[in-house]
Protein backbone atom coordinates (compact mmCIF):
# COMPACT_ATOMS: atom_id res chain seq x y z
CA UNK A 1 55.70 -96.36 151.69
CA UNK A 2 55.27 -93.45 154.06
CA UNK A 3 56.33 -89.96 152.56
CA UNK A 4 56.66 -86.56 153.91
CA UNK A 5 57.85 -83.62 151.83
CA UNK A 6 58.60 -80.09 152.90
CA UNK A 7 59.60 -77.62 150.25
CA UNK A 8 60.39 -74.70 152.61
CA UNK A 9 63.79 -73.30 151.18
CA UNK A 10 65.51 -73.34 154.67
CA UNK A 11 64.36 -76.85 155.76
CA UNK A 12 63.55 -78.92 152.72
CA UNK A 13 63.28 -82.63 153.89
CA UNK A 14 61.82 -86.06 152.81
CA UNK A 15 60.64 -88.80 155.17
CA UNK A 16 60.50 -92.30 153.33
CA UNK A 17 59.80 -95.71 154.72
CA UNK A 18 60.64 -98.96 153.06
CA UNK A 19 58.58 -102.09 153.05
CA UNK A 20 60.80 -103.46 156.03
CA UNK A 21 59.81 -100.40 158.08
CA UNK A 22 63.13 -98.74 157.85
CA UNK A 23 62.97 -94.84 157.77
CA UNK A 24 65.07 -92.60 155.45
CA UNK A 25 65.11 -88.87 156.15
CA UNK A 26 66.65 -86.64 153.35
CA UNK A 27 67.84 -83.18 154.28
CA UNK A 28 69.73 -80.44 152.86
CA UNK A 29 73.40 -80.57 153.58
CA UNK A 30 74.49 -78.69 156.75
CA UNK A 31 77.82 -77.43 157.67
CA UNK A 32 80.12 -79.85 159.67
CA UNK A 33 79.66 -83.38 160.22
CA UNK A 34 77.36 -85.25 162.49
CA UNK A 35 78.88 -85.99 165.97
CA UNK A 36 76.70 -88.42 168.19
CA UNK A 37 73.34 -87.43 166.36
CA UNK A 38 70.07 -88.10 167.94
CA UNK A 39 66.54 -87.77 166.48
CA UNK A 40 64.13 -86.33 169.09
CA UNK A 41 60.44 -86.98 168.47
CA UNK A 42 57.31 -86.31 170.36
CA UNK A 43 54.76 -88.03 168.07
CA UNK A 44 53.32 -84.81 166.69
CA UNK A 45 54.32 -82.66 163.81
CA UNK A 46 57.52 -81.77 165.67
CA UNK A 47 60.98 -83.28 165.92
CA UNK A 48 64.58 -82.31 166.37
CA UNK A 49 67.74 -83.79 164.89
CA UNK A 50 70.70 -83.03 167.11
CA UNK A 51 73.69 -83.27 164.44
CA UNK A 52 76.16 -81.86 166.90
CA UNK A 53 76.67 -79.45 169.66
CA UNK A 54 76.49 -76.60 167.17
CA UNK A 55 73.85 -78.04 164.80
CA UNK A 56 70.18 -78.87 165.21
CA UNK A 57 67.54 -79.43 162.61
CA UNK A 58 64.04 -78.62 163.46
CA UNK A 59 61.12 -80.57 161.77
CA UNK A 60 57.96 -78.74 162.39
CA UNK A 61 55.37 -79.96 159.86
CA UNK A 62 55.66 -83.92 159.86
CA UNK A 63 52.61 -85.29 158.26
CA UNK A 64 50.18 -87.56 159.86
CA UNK A 65 51.20 -90.46 157.73
CA UNK A 66 54.69 -90.16 158.85
CA UNK A 67 54.09 -89.84 162.57
CA UNK A 68 53.31 -93.57 163.57
CA UNK A 69 56.29 -94.95 161.69
CA UNK A 70 58.53 -92.41 163.28
CA UNK A 71 57.44 -93.56 166.68
CA UNK A 72 57.85 -97.22 165.87
CA UNK A 73 61.49 -97.22 165.01
CA UNK A 74 64.60 -97.09 167.22
CA UNK A 75 66.98 -95.69 164.70
CA UNK A 76 66.75 -94.02 161.25
CA UNK A 77 69.11 -93.30 158.32
CA UNK A 78 69.84 -89.56 157.49
CA UNK A 79 71.13 -88.56 154.25
CA UNK A 80 72.22 -85.13 153.55
CA UNK A 81 72.14 -83.77 149.91
CA UNK A 82 73.36 -80.68 147.90
CA UNK A 83 71.80 -80.39 144.46
CA UNK A 84 70.42 -83.90 144.49
CA UNK A 85 74.01 -85.41 145.25
CA UNK A 86 74.41 -87.40 148.62
CA UNK A 87 77.12 -85.62 150.54
CA UNK A 88 77.02 -87.79 153.70
CA UNK A 89 74.84 -90.66 155.41
CA UNK A 90 74.56 -91.63 158.89
CA UNK A 91 72.38 -93.73 161.30
CA UNK A 92 70.57 -91.77 164.12
CA UNK A 93 68.96 -93.23 167.25
CA UNK A 94 65.39 -92.16 167.88
CA UNK A 95 64.30 -90.76 171.29
CA UNK A 96 60.71 -90.39 172.01
CA UNK A 97 59.92 -87.43 174.47
CA UNK A 98 56.71 -85.70 175.76
CA UNK A 99 57.07 -82.28 174.10
CA UNK A 100 59.74 -81.46 171.54
CA UNK A 101 58.84 -77.63 171.84
CA UNK A 102 59.81 -77.74 175.51
CA UNK A 103 63.26 -78.52 174.49
CA UNK A 104 63.47 -75.49 172.41
CA UNK A 105 63.62 -73.22 175.48
């Protein structure tokens, strides 16, 4: 199992992988639902989760152990929580790019 945990109050998240290689990312609940979400990753410590036109989540400290598994999947599961309760779950396709920071403008 690969695990990445960040305790920053603004962007707490966990990245988990099961024995079959499926990836699950747990994030704090965001306002509004996910509309055509996309996980954009460059193989480094940086990734973006586009939830909707108005909502993007930045991952900027992905651990070494989570990087290869993230590059090896076509889709992952996102779970949004509030106070350890699941608020919503959705599948997200993964797109590998050269440089996530270049997308931040």
